């Protein structure tokens, strides 16, 4: 399986996004503090940076991202919004949003290792797209691990789930109550620039 192994803090700085978007609270970089960057970016550079930002945040490589774009363009509605909603529906992102993993990278690894079920069936494909009504649970055999036990104890970390997801209190179970809409995606993304880039 291909995966993105770029340094998080360095890449976040280059793309102008906060590491907290990635689930990292203490990542910083001291490289190039003065920032010898060109002040004005070309139209192409702005479009490319926006695409790279979404790919990096969700951990998607170019070939798969392109297929998401093509699928989004065939759906009714705005292509840019459809694209963001598709990547938001990925199982690894849902696991992260439900608070079962600290970062999307960790969520992807946990899904790969078969720690989650969707509607009672084991799914180990991070790019699996969830639907409204799907129930995501930690697999029975994984619940005894320290990693998941600490998510249900008294000192379990507080998790704010988006409106389209619901997590049962003190349970390793979450439900997709409805499909996400553009307003549910809280990152500063100008998706129209990605559409402009691909439609050239």
N, C-alpha and C. Protein backbone atom coordinates (compact mmCIF):
# COMPACT_ATOMS: atom_id res chain seq x y z
N UNK A 1 0.84 -1.20 0.00
CA UNK A 1 0.00 0.00 0.00
C UNK A 1 0.87 1.25 0.00
N UNK A 2 0.63 2.15 -0.94
CA UNK A 2 1.39 3.41 -0.99
C UNK A 2 0.90 4.33 0.10
N UNK A 3 1.81 5.07 0.70
CA UNK A 3 1.38 6.02 1.73
C UNK A 3 2.28 7.24 1.74
N UNK A 4 1.75 8.31 2.28
CA UNK A 4 2.48 9.57 2.35
C UNK A 4 3.32 9.59 3.62
N UNK A 5 4.63 9.73 3.47
CA UNK A 5 5.51 9.70 4.65
C UNK A 5 6.23 11.03 4.85
N UNK A 6 5.68 12.10 4.28
CA UNK A 6 6.34 13.41 4.41
C UNK A 6 6.31 13.90 5.85
N UNK A 7 7.34 14.67 6.28
CA UNK A 7 7.34 15.23 7.64
C UNK A 7 6.14 16.17 7.83
N UNK A 8 5.38 15.94 8.88
CA UNK A 8 4.12 16.66 9.07
C UNK A 8 4.33 18.16 9.27
N UNK A 9 5.18 18.54 10.22
CA UNK A 9 5.34 19.96 10.53
C UNK A 9 5.88 20.75 9.34
N UNK A 10 6.86 20.19 8.67
CA UNK A 10 7.47 20.85 7.52
C UNK A 10 6.44 21.05 6.40
N UNK A 11 5.65 20.01 6.14
CA UNK A 11 4.66 20.07 5.07
C UNK A 11 3.52 21.02 5.43
N UNK A 12 3.11 21.02 6.69
CA UNK A 12 2.05 21.94 7.13
C UNK A 12 2.48 23.39 6.92
N UNK A 13 3.75 23.68 7.26
CA UNK A 13 4.25 25.04 7.09
C UNK A 13 4.26 25.44 5.62
N UNK A 14 4.70 24.52 4.77
CA UNK A 14 4.77 24.80 3.34
C UNK A 14 3.38 25.05 2.74
N UNK A 15 2.38 24.33 3.26
CA UNK A 15 1.02 24.46 2.72
C UNK A 15 0.19 25.51 3.46
N UNK A 16 0.76 26.07 4.52
CA UNK A 16 0.06 27.12 5.25
C UNK A 16 -1.11 26.63 6.07
N UNK A 17 -1.01 25.40 6.62
CA UNK A 17 -2.09 24.88 7.46
C UNK A 17 -1.56 24.57 8.85
N UNK A 18 -2.45 24.58 9.81
CA UNK A 18 -2.06 24.31 11.20
C UNK A 18 -1.93 22.80 11.42
N UNK A 19 -0.89 22.35 12.13
CA UNK A 19 -0.76 20.92 12.42
C UNK A 19 -1.94 20.35 13.21
N UNK A 20 -2.70 21.23 13.89
CA UNK A 20 -3.86 20.74 14.65
C UNK A 20 -4.92 20.15 13.72
N UNK A 21 -4.97 20.62 12.47
CA UNK A 21 -5.90 20.08 11.47
C UNK A 21 -5.59 18.60 11.24
N UNK A 22 -4.30 18.26 11.39
CA UNK A 22 -3.86 16.88 11.18
C UNK A 22 -4.00 16.03 12.44
N UNK A 23 -4.36 16.69 13.56
CA UNK A 23 -4.48 15.96 14.82
C UNK A 23 -3.24 16.08 15.69
N UNK A 24 -2.26 16.91 15.25
CA UNK A 24 -1.03 17.09 16.03
C UNK A 24 -1.11 18.43 16.75
N UNK A 25 -0.89 18.40 18.07
CA UNK A 25 -1.00 19.66 18.82
C UNK A 25 0.36 20.29 19.11
N UNK A 26 1.44 19.51 19.04
CA UNK A 26 2.74 20.04 19.44
C UNK A 26 3.79 19.96 18.35
N UNK A 27 3.35 19.94 17.11
CA UNK A 27 4.31 19.85 16.01
C UNK A 27 4.67 21.25 15.53
N UNK A 28 5.95 21.55 15.50
CA UNK A 28 6.40 22.81 14.93
C UNK A 28 7.69 22.55 14.16
N UNK A 29 8.06 23.50 13.34
CA UNK A 29 9.33 23.38 12.63
C UNK A 29 10.07 24.70 12.71
N UNK A 30 11.38 24.62 12.85
CA UNK A 30 12.19 25.84 12.93
C UNK A 30 12.93 26.11 11.62
N UNK A 31 12.65 25.29 10.63
CA UNK A 31 13.35 25.48 9.37
C UNK A 31 12.87 26.74 8.67
N UNK A 32 13.81 27.42 8.04
CA UNK A 32 13.51 28.59 7.22
C UNK A 32 12.61 29.58 7.96
N UNK A 33 13.02 30.04 9.17
CA UNK A 33 12.14 30.92 9.95
C UNK A 33 11.86 32.24 9.26
N UNK A 34 12.82 32.73 8.50
CA UNK A 34 12.62 34.00 7.80
C UNK A 34 11.67 33.87 6.63
N UNK A 35 11.60 32.68 6.11
CA UNK A 35 10.66 32.41 5.01
C UNK A 35 11.04 33.13 3.73
N UNK A 36 12.05 32.64 3.04
CA UNK A 36 12.45 33.26 1.78
C UNK A 36 11.52 32.82 0.64
N UNK A 37 10.25 33.12 0.80
CA UNK A 37 9.25 32.68 -0.17
C UNK A 37 8.92 33.83 -1.13
N UNK A 38 8.57 33.47 -2.34
CA UNK A 38 8.10 34.49 -3.26
C UNK A 38 6.77 35.03 -2.73
N UNK A 39 6.62 36.34 -2.76
CA UNK A 39 5.43 36.94 -2.15
C UNK A 39 4.17 36.63 -2.96
N UNK A 40 4.24 36.79 -4.29
CA UNK A 40 3.03 36.58 -5.09
C UNK A 40 3.11 35.25 -5.83
N UNK A 41 2.10 34.43 -5.63
CA UNK A 41 2.07 33.13 -6.30
C UNK A 41 1.27 33.24 -7.59
N UNK A 42 1.65 32.44 -8.57
CA UNK A 42 0.89 32.40 -9.82
C UNK A 42 -0.45 31.71 -9.58
N UNK A 43 -1.34 31.87 -10.53
CA UNK A 43 -2.67 31.24 -10.42
C UNK A 43 -2.51 29.72 -10.32
N UNK A 44 -1.61 29.17 -11.14
CA UNK A 44 -1.38 27.72 -11.13
C UNK A 44 -0.85 27.27 -9.76
N UNK A 45 0.09 28.05 -9.22
CA UNK A 45 0.69 27.70 -7.92
C UNK A 45 -0.37 27.67 -6.82
N UNK A 46 -1.30 28.62 -6.85
CA UNK A 46 -2.39 28.66 -5.85
C UNK A 46 -3.29 27.43 -5.99
N UNK A 47 -3.61 27.09 -7.23
CA UNK A 47 -4.47 25.93 -7.48
C UNK A 47 -3.78 24.64 -7.03
N UNK A 48 -2.50 24.53 -7.37
CA UNK A 48 -1.75 23.32 -7.01
C UNK A 48 -1.62 23.19 -5.49
N UNK A 49 -1.35 24.32 -4.82
CA UNK A 49 -1.19 24.29 -3.36
C UNK A 49 -2.48 23.84 -2.68
N UNK A 50 -3.61 24.27 -3.23
CA UNK A 50 -4.90 23.89 -2.63
C UNK A 50 -5.14 22.38 -2.77
N UNK A 51 -4.79 21.85 -3.94
CA UNK A 51 -4.92 20.41 -4.16
C UNK A 51 -3.98 19.64 -3.23
N UNK A 52 -2.73 20.09 -3.12
CA UNK A 52 -1.75 19.42 -2.27
C UNK A 52 -2.19 19.44 -0.81
N UNK A 53 -2.84 20.53 -0.42
CA UNK A 53 -3.31 20.67 0.96
C UNK A 53 -4.33 19.58 1.30
N UNK A 54 -5.33 19.40 0.43
CA UNK A 54 -6.37 18.40 0.68
C UNK A 54 -5.77 16.99 0.65
N UNK A 55 -4.90 16.73 -0.33
CA UNK A 55 -4.26 15.41 -0.44
C UNK A 55 -3.46 15.11 0.82
N UNK A 56 -2.74 16.11 1.33
CA UNK A 56 -1.88 15.89 2.49
C UNK A 56 -2.71 15.68 3.77
N UNK A 57 -3.72 16.52 3.97
CA UNK A 57 -4.56 16.41 5.18
C UNK A 57 -5.22 15.04 5.27
N UNK A 58 -5.74 14.56 4.15
CA UNK A 58 -6.46 13.27 4.16
C UNK A 58 -5.54 12.08 3.85
N UNK A 59 -4.27 12.36 3.51
CA UNK A 59 -3.33 11.27 3.26
C UNK A 59 -3.63 10.49 1.99
N UNK A 60 -3.99 11.21 0.93
CA UNK A 60 -4.35 10.57 -0.34
C UNK A 60 -3.28 10.89 -1.39
N UNK A 61 -2.92 9.89 -2.17
CA UNK A 61 -1.95 10.11 -3.24
C UNK A 61 -2.68 10.49 -4.54
N UNK A 62 -1.89 10.96 -5.52
CA UNK A 62 -2.46 11.58 -6.72
C UNK A 62 -3.44 10.71 -7.50
N UNK A 63 -3.08 9.46 -7.74
CA UNK A 63 -3.93 8.60 -8.57
C UNK A 63 -5.32 8.45 -7.96
N UNK A 64 -5.35 8.21 -6.65
CA UNK A 64 -6.64 8.03 -5.98
C UNK A 64 -7.41 9.35 -5.91
N UNK A 65 -6.68 10.44 -5.70
CA UNK A 65 -7.33 11.75 -5.61
C UNK A 65 -7.99 12.10 -6.94
N UNK A 66 -7.29 11.78 -8.02
CA UNK A 66 -7.83 12.05 -9.36
C UNK A 66 -9.12 11.27 -9.58
N UNK A 67 -9.15 10.02 -9.10
CA UNK A 67 -10.37 9.21 -9.28
C UNK A 67 -11.52 9.78 -8.44
N UNK A 68 -11.20 10.35 -7.26
CA UNK A 68 -12.24 11.02 -6.46
C UNK A 68 -12.79 12.21 -7.23
N UNK A 69 -11.89 12.97 -7.88
CA UNK A 69 -12.33 14.15 -8.64
C UNK A 69 -13.26 13.73 -9.77
N UNK A 70 -12.87 12.69 -10.49
CA UNK A 70 -13.69 12.24 -11.62
C UNK A 70 -15.06 11.74 -11.15
N UNK A 71 -15.06 11.07 -10.01
CA UNK A 71 -16.34 10.60 -9.44
C UNK A 71 -17.19 11.80 -9.01
N UNK A 72 -16.54 12.79 -8.39
CA UNK A 72 -17.26 14.00 -7.93
C UNK A 72 -17.86 14.76 -9.10
N UNK A 73 -17.14 14.79 -10.24
CA UNK A 73 -17.62 15.55 -11.40
C UNK A 73 -18.85 14.90 -12.04
N UNK A 74 -19.03 13.60 -11.80
CA UNK A 74 -20.20 12.91 -12.35
C UNK A 74 -21.42 12.98 -11.42
N UNK A 75 -21.21 13.46 -10.20
CA UNK A 75 -22.30 13.56 -9.23
C UNK A 75 -23.06 14.87 -9.42
N UNK A 76 -24.35 14.90 -9.07
CA UNK A 76 -25.08 16.18 -9.16
C UNK A 76 -24.56 17.18 -8.12
N UNK A 77 -24.65 18.46 -8.42
CA UNK A 77 -24.17 19.48 -7.48
C UNK A 77 -22.81 20.02 -7.87
N UNK A 78 -22.19 20.73 -6.96
CA UNK A 78 -20.89 21.35 -7.23
C UNK A 78 -19.77 20.32 -7.11
N UNK A 79 -18.93 20.25 -8.12
CA UNK A 79 -17.86 19.26 -8.14
C UNK A 79 -16.92 19.40 -6.95
N UNK A 80 -16.54 20.64 -6.62
CA UNK A 80 -15.60 20.88 -5.52
C UNK A 80 -16.15 20.39 -4.18
N UNK A 81 -17.41 20.70 -3.93
CA UNK A 81 -18.05 20.27 -2.68
C UNK A 81 -18.18 18.75 -2.65
N UNK A 82 -18.57 18.17 -3.78
CA UNK A 82 -18.69 16.71 -3.86
C UNK A 82 -17.36 16.04 -3.55
N UNK A 83 -16.27 16.62 -4.06
CA UNK A 83 -14.94 16.07 -3.85
C UNK A 83 -14.59 16.04 -2.36
N UNK A 84 -14.82 17.16 -1.67
CA UNK A 84 -14.51 17.22 -0.24
C UNK A 84 -15.37 16.26 0.56
N UNK A 85 -16.63 16.14 0.17
CA UNK A 85 -17.54 15.23 0.89
C UNK A 85 -17.11 13.78 0.69
N UNK A 86 -16.64 13.44 -0.51
CA UNK A 86 -16.16 12.08 -0.77
C UNK A 86 -14.97 11.73 0.13
N UNK A 87 -13.98 12.63 0.21
CA UNK A 87 -12.80 12.31 1.02
C UNK A 87 -13.13 12.33 2.51
N UNK A 88 -14.13 13.14 2.89
CA UNK A 88 -14.56 13.18 4.30
C UNK A 88 -15.23 11.87 4.69
N UNK A 89 -15.83 11.18 3.73
CA UNK A 89 -16.55 9.92 4.01
C UNK A 89 -15.62 8.70 4.10
N UNK A 90 -14.33 8.88 3.87
CA UNK A 90 -13.40 7.76 3.97
C UNK A 90 -13.41 7.17 5.38
N UNK A 91 -13.29 5.86 5.47
CA UNK A 91 -13.36 5.19 6.77
C UNK A 91 -12.25 5.66 7.71
N UNK A 92 -11.03 5.87 7.19
CA UNK A 92 -9.96 6.32 8.09
C UNK A 92 -10.26 7.69 8.67
N UNK A 93 -10.88 8.57 7.87
CA UNK A 93 -11.25 9.89 8.37
C UNK A 93 -12.37 9.78 9.42
N UNK A 94 -13.33 8.89 9.19
CA UNK A 94 -14.45 8.71 10.13
C UNK A 94 -13.93 8.18 11.47
N UNK A 95 -12.99 7.23 11.41
CA UNK A 95 -12.38 6.70 12.64
C UNK A 95 -11.69 7.82 13.42
N UNK A 96 -11.00 8.70 12.70
CA UNK A 96 -10.34 9.86 13.33
C UNK A 96 -11.37 10.82 13.90
N UNK A 97 -12.40 11.12 13.13
CA UNK A 97 -13.44 12.07 13.58
C UNK A 97 -14.21 11.55 14.80
N UNK A 98 -14.35 10.24 14.89
CA UNK A 98 -15.06 9.66 16.05
C UNK A 98 -14.18 9.61 17.30
N UNK A 99 -12.90 9.92 17.13
CA UNK A 99 -11.99 9.95 18.29
C UNK A 99 -11.36 8.61 18.61
N UNK A 100 -11.44 7.66 17.70
CA UNK A 100 -10.81 6.35 17.93
C UNK A 100 -9.32 6.38 17.61
N UNK A 101 -8.85 7.46 16.99
CA UNK A 101 -7.43 7.62 16.69
C UNK A 101 -7.06 9.08 16.87
N UNK A 102 -5.80 9.34 17.21
CA UNK A 102 -5.35 10.71 17.47
C UNK A 102 -5.12 11.49 16.17
N UNK A 103 -4.73 10.80 15.12
CA UNK A 103 -4.47 11.43 13.83
C UNK A 103 -5.05 10.57 12.71
N UNK A 104 -5.16 11.14 11.52
CA UNK A 104 -5.65 10.35 10.39
C UNK A 104 -4.64 9.28 10.01
N UNK A 105 -3.36 9.56 10.18
CA UNK A 105 -2.34 8.55 9.87
C UNK A 105 -2.50 7.33 10.78
N UNK A 106 -2.74 7.60 12.06
CA UNK A 106 -2.95 6.49 13.00
C UNK A 106 -4.23 5.75 12.65
N UNK A 107 -5.28 6.50 12.28
CA UNK A 107 -6.55 5.88 11.92
C UNK A 107 -6.38 4.95 10.72
N UNK A 108 -5.61 5.41 9.74
CA UNK A 108 -5.37 4.60 8.55
C UNK A 108 -4.68 3.28 8.90
N UNK A 109 -3.70 3.37 9.80
CA UNK A 109 -2.97 2.18 10.23
C UNK A 109 -3.90 1.21 10.98
N UNK A 110 -4.73 1.75 11.87
CA UNK A 110 -5.64 0.92 12.65
C UNK A 110 -6.65 0.21 11.74
N UNK A 111 -7.15 0.93 10.74
CA UNK A 111 -8.10 0.32 9.79
C UNK A 111 -7.39 -0.78 9.00
N UNK A 112 -6.17 -0.49 8.55
CA UNK A 112 -5.39 -1.48 7.79
C UNK A 112 -5.19 -2.77 8.57
N UNK A 113 -5.03 -2.65 9.88
CA UNK A 113 -4.77 -3.81 10.72
C UNK A 113 -6.05 -4.54 11.15
N UNK A 114 -7.18 -4.09 10.61
CA UNK A 114 -8.43 -4.82 10.84
C UNK A 114 -9.06 -4.61 12.20
N UNK A 115 -8.87 -3.42 12.79
CA UNK A 115 -9.43 -3.17 14.13
C UNK A 115 -10.88 -2.68 14.12
N UNK A 116 -11.47 -2.47 12.93
CA UNK A 116 -12.82 -1.89 12.88
C UNK A 116 -13.78 -2.72 12.03
N UNK A 117 -15.04 -2.65 12.42
CA UNK A 117 -16.10 -3.27 11.61
C UNK A 117 -17.08 -2.19 11.17
N UNK A 118 -17.69 -2.40 10.03
CA UNK A 118 -18.76 -1.53 9.55
C UNK A 118 -20.00 -2.40 9.39
N UNK A 119 -21.03 -2.10 10.15
CA UNK A 119 -22.27 -2.90 10.16
C UNK A 119 -21.98 -4.37 10.48
N UNK A 120 -21.01 -4.58 11.41
CA UNK A 120 -20.72 -5.93 11.87
C UNK A 120 -19.72 -6.70 11.02
N UNK A 121 -19.29 -6.12 9.90
CA UNK A 121 -18.33 -6.82 9.03
C UNK A 121 -16.97 -6.11 9.08
N UNK A 122 -15.91 -6.90 9.20
CA UNK A 122 -14.57 -6.31 9.27
C UNK A 122 -14.22 -5.63 7.95
N UNK A 123 -13.73 -4.39 8.06
CA UNK A 123 -13.30 -3.64 6.88
C UNK A 123 -11.88 -3.14 7.15
N UNK A 124 -10.94 -3.52 6.27
CA UNK A 124 -9.56 -3.08 6.47
C UNK A 124 -9.06 -2.22 5.30
N UNK A 125 -10.01 -1.50 4.68
CA UNK A 125 -9.68 -0.62 3.56
C UNK A 125 -9.91 0.82 4.00
N UNK A 126 -8.84 1.60 4.20
CA UNK A 126 -9.00 2.98 4.68
C UNK A 126 -9.87 3.86 3.78
N UNK A 127 -9.87 3.58 2.47
CA UNK A 127 -10.62 4.42 1.54
C UNK A 127 -12.09 4.00 1.41
N UNK A 128 -12.52 3.00 2.18
CA UNK A 128 -13.92 2.58 2.18
C UNK A 128 -14.81 3.79 2.46
N UNK A 129 -15.84 4.01 1.62
CA UNK A 129 -16.72 5.17 1.81
C UNK A 129 -17.95 4.78 2.64
N UNK A 130 -18.13 5.46 3.76
CA UNK A 130 -19.28 5.16 4.62
C UNK A 130 -20.54 5.79 4.04
N UNK A 131 -21.69 5.24 4.44
CA UNK A 131 -22.98 5.75 4.00
C UNK A 131 -23.81 6.11 5.24
N UNK A 132 -24.87 6.88 5.03
CA UNK A 132 -25.76 7.22 6.14
C UNK A 132 -26.34 5.93 6.72
N UNK A 133 -26.30 5.82 8.04
CA UNK A 133 -26.82 4.63 8.71
C UNK A 133 -25.77 3.61 9.06
N UNK A 134 -24.56 3.74 8.50
CA UNK A 134 -23.49 2.79 8.81
C UNK A 134 -23.07 2.90 10.28
N UNK A 135 -22.81 1.74 10.88
CA UNK A 135 -22.35 1.68 12.27
C UNK A 135 -20.90 1.22 12.28
N UNK A 136 -20.03 2.06 12.84
CA UNK A 136 -18.59 1.75 12.89
C UNK A 136 -18.25 1.38 14.33
N UNK A 137 -17.67 0.19 14.50
CA UNK A 137 -17.32 -0.28 15.85
C UNK A 137 -15.89 -0.81 15.87
N UNK A 138 -15.28 -0.75 17.06
CA UNK A 138 -14.00 -1.42 17.26
C UNK A 138 -14.29 -2.91 17.30
N UNK A 139 -13.53 -3.70 16.55
CA UNK A 139 -13.74 -5.15 16.48
C UNK A 139 -13.63 -5.77 17.86
N UNK A 140 -14.41 -6.81 18.09
CA UNK A 140 -14.48 -7.47 19.40
C UNK A 140 -13.10 -7.87 19.92
N UNK A 141 -12.29 -8.46 19.05
CA UNK A 141 -10.97 -8.95 19.47
C UNK A 141 -9.99 -7.82 19.80
N UNK A 142 -10.30 -6.59 19.35
CA UNK A 142 -9.39 -5.46 19.58
C UNK A 142 -9.71 -4.67 20.84
N UNK A 143 -10.90 -4.91 21.41
CA UNK A 143 -11.36 -4.07 22.52
C UNK A 143 -10.53 -4.19 23.78
N UNK A 144 -9.86 -5.33 23.95
CA UNK A 144 -9.08 -5.54 25.18
C UNK A 144 -7.73 -4.82 25.13
N UNK A 145 -7.35 -4.31 23.97
CA UNK A 145 -6.03 -3.66 23.86
C UNK A 145 -6.02 -2.35 24.64
N UNK A 146 -4.85 -1.99 25.13
CA UNK A 146 -4.69 -0.75 25.93
C UNK A 146 -5.13 0.46 25.13
N UNK A 147 -4.82 0.44 23.86
CA UNK A 147 -5.14 1.55 22.96
C UNK A 147 -6.62 1.91 23.02
N UNK A 148 -7.49 0.90 22.97
CA UNK A 148 -8.93 1.17 22.95
C UNK A 148 -9.54 1.22 24.34
N UNK A 149 -8.94 0.51 25.30
CA UNK A 149 -9.48 0.53 26.67
C UNK A 149 -9.48 1.94 27.23
N UNK A 150 -8.42 2.69 26.93
CA UNK A 150 -8.31 4.04 27.51
C UNK A 150 -9.35 5.02 26.93
N UNK A 151 -10.02 4.62 25.86
CA UNK A 151 -11.02 5.50 25.24
C UNK A 151 -12.38 5.43 25.94
N UNK A 152 -12.53 4.46 26.84
CA UNK A 152 -13.83 4.31 27.51
C UNK A 152 -13.76 4.53 29.02
N UNK A 153 -12.56 4.70 29.55
CA UNK A 153 -12.42 4.89 31.00
C UNK A 153 -12.86 6.28 31.45
N UNK A 154 -12.73 6.52 32.75
CA UNK A 154 -13.12 7.82 33.30
C UNK A 154 -12.23 8.94 32.78
N UNK A 155 -10.97 8.62 32.50
CA UNK A 155 -10.06 9.65 32.01
C UNK A 155 -9.93 9.62 30.48
N UNK A 156 -10.98 9.12 29.82
CA UNK A 156 -10.99 9.07 28.35
C UNK A 156 -10.95 10.50 27.80
N UNK A 157 -10.20 10.72 26.71
CA UNK A 157 -10.14 12.07 26.14
C UNK A 157 -11.50 12.53 25.61
N UNK A 158 -11.76 13.83 25.76
CA UNK A 158 -13.01 14.40 25.26
C UNK A 158 -12.94 14.49 23.73
N UNK A 159 -14.02 14.12 23.07
CA UNK A 159 -14.04 14.16 21.61
C UNK A 159 -15.27 14.95 21.15
N UNK A 160 -15.03 15.91 20.26
CA UNK A 160 -16.15 16.64 19.67
C UNK A 160 -16.38 16.08 18.27
N UNK A 161 -17.46 15.35 18.12
CA UNK A 161 -17.73 14.75 16.81
C UNK A 161 -18.52 15.73 15.95
N UNK A 162 -18.32 15.69 14.62
CA UNK A 162 -19.11 16.56 13.74
C UNK A 162 -20.57 16.15 13.75
N UNK A 163 -21.43 17.03 13.25
CA UNK A 163 -22.88 16.82 13.34
C UNK A 163 -23.36 15.57 12.61
N UNK A 164 -22.63 15.14 11.62
CA UNK A 164 -23.09 13.99 10.82
C UNK A 164 -22.71 12.65 11.43
N UNK A 165 -21.95 12.70 12.54
CA UNK A 165 -21.56 11.47 13.23
C UNK A 165 -22.06 11.49 14.66
N UNK A 166 -22.28 10.30 15.21
CA UNK A 166 -22.73 10.19 16.60
C UNK A 166 -21.96 9.06 17.27
N UNK A 167 -21.33 9.36 18.40
CA UNK A 167 -20.59 8.31 19.10
C UNK A 167 -21.28 8.00 20.42
N UNK A 168 -21.49 6.73 20.68
CA UNK A 168 -22.14 6.33 21.93
C UNK A 168 -21.18 6.55 23.09
N UNK A 169 -21.71 7.14 24.16
CA UNK A 169 -20.88 7.44 25.32
C UNK A 169 -20.36 6.15 25.96
N UNK A 170 -19.06 6.17 26.29
CA UNK A 170 -18.40 5.02 26.91
C UNK A 170 -18.54 3.73 26.11
N UNK A 171 -18.68 3.87 24.81
CA UNK A 171 -18.75 2.68 23.95
C UNK A 171 -17.85 2.91 22.75
N UNK A 172 -17.31 1.84 22.24
CA UNK A 172 -16.41 1.95 21.08
C UNK A 172 -17.22 1.77 19.80
N UNK A 173 -18.20 2.66 19.67
CA UNK A 173 -19.17 2.52 18.58
C UNK A 173 -19.65 3.90 18.13
N UNK A 174 -19.73 4.07 16.81
CA UNK A 174 -20.21 5.34 16.27
C UNK A 174 -21.13 5.08 15.09
N UNK A 175 -22.02 6.03 14.81
CA UNK A 175 -22.98 5.89 13.72
C UNK A 175 -22.91 7.09 12.78
N UNK A 176 -23.01 6.81 11.49
CA UNK A 176 -23.10 7.88 10.49
C UNK A 176 -24.58 8.24 10.41
N UNK A 177 -24.97 9.34 11.06
CA UNK A 177 -26.40 9.69 11.12
C UNK A 177 -26.90 10.26 9.79
N UNK A 178 -26.01 10.90 9.05
CA UNK A 178 -26.35 11.45 7.72
C UNK A 178 -25.04 11.68 6.98
N UNK A 179 -25.12 11.94 5.70
CA UNK A 179 -23.90 12.24 4.95
C UNK A 179 -23.43 13.65 5.27
N UNK A 180 -22.11 13.88 5.27
CA UNK A 180 -21.63 15.23 5.58
C UNK A 180 -21.99 16.22 4.48
N UNK A 181 -22.08 17.49 4.86
CA UNK A 181 -22.26 18.56 3.88
C UNK A 181 -21.04 19.47 3.96
N UNK A 182 -20.94 20.41 3.05
CA UNK A 182 -19.74 21.26 2.98
C UNK A 182 -19.46 21.98 4.30
N UNK A 183 -20.51 22.41 4.99
CA UNK A 183 -20.33 23.15 6.25
C UNK A 183 -19.70 22.29 7.35
N UNK A 184 -19.76 20.98 7.21
CA UNK A 184 -19.18 20.09 8.23
C UNK A 184 -17.66 19.99 8.11
N UNK A 185 -17.12 20.46 7.01
CA UNK A 185 -15.67 20.36 6.79
C UNK A 185 -15.04 21.67 7.23
N UNK A 186 -14.34 21.61 8.37
CA UNK A 186 -13.92 22.83 9.06
C UNK A 186 -12.52 23.32 8.69
N UNK A 187 -12.02 22.90 7.54
CA UNK A 187 -10.69 23.36 7.13
C UNK A 187 -10.80 24.48 6.11
N UNK A 188 -9.85 25.41 6.12
CA UNK A 188 -9.89 26.50 5.14
C UNK A 188 -9.45 26.01 3.76
N UNK A 189 -10.40 25.51 2.99
CA UNK A 189 -10.09 24.97 1.66
C UNK A 189 -10.92 25.72 0.62
N UNK A 190 -10.25 26.17 -0.43
CA UNK A 190 -10.95 26.79 -1.56
C UNK A 190 -11.03 25.76 -2.68
N UNK A 191 -12.06 24.94 -2.58
CA UNK A 191 -12.15 23.79 -3.48
C UNK A 191 -12.32 24.17 -4.95
N UNK A 192 -12.83 25.39 -5.21
CA UNK A 192 -13.00 25.80 -6.61
C UNK A 192 -11.66 25.87 -7.34
N UNK A 193 -10.58 26.13 -6.58
CA UNK A 193 -9.24 26.18 -7.20
C UNK A 193 -8.81 24.78 -7.69
N UNK A 194 -9.21 23.74 -6.94
CA UNK A 194 -8.87 22.36 -7.34
C UNK A 194 -9.63 22.01 -8.62
N UNK A 195 -10.89 22.42 -8.67
CA UNK A 195 -11.71 22.15 -9.87
C UNK A 195 -11.12 22.86 -11.09
N UNK A 196 -10.68 24.11 -10.89
CA UNK A 196 -10.06 24.87 -11.98
C UNK A 196 -8.79 24.19 -12.47
N UNK A 197 -8.02 23.65 -11.53
CA UNK A 197 -6.77 22.99 -11.89
C UNK A 197 -7.03 21.74 -12.74
N UNK A 198 -7.97 20.91 -12.32
CA UNK A 198 -8.24 19.67 -13.03
C UNK A 198 -9.00 19.88 -14.34
N UNK A 199 -9.73 20.99 -14.44
CA UNK A 199 -10.55 21.18 -15.64
C UNK A 199 -9.80 21.88 -16.77
N UNK A 200 -8.50 22.10 -16.59
CA UNK A 200 -7.71 22.76 -17.64
C UNK A 200 -7.52 21.83 -18.83
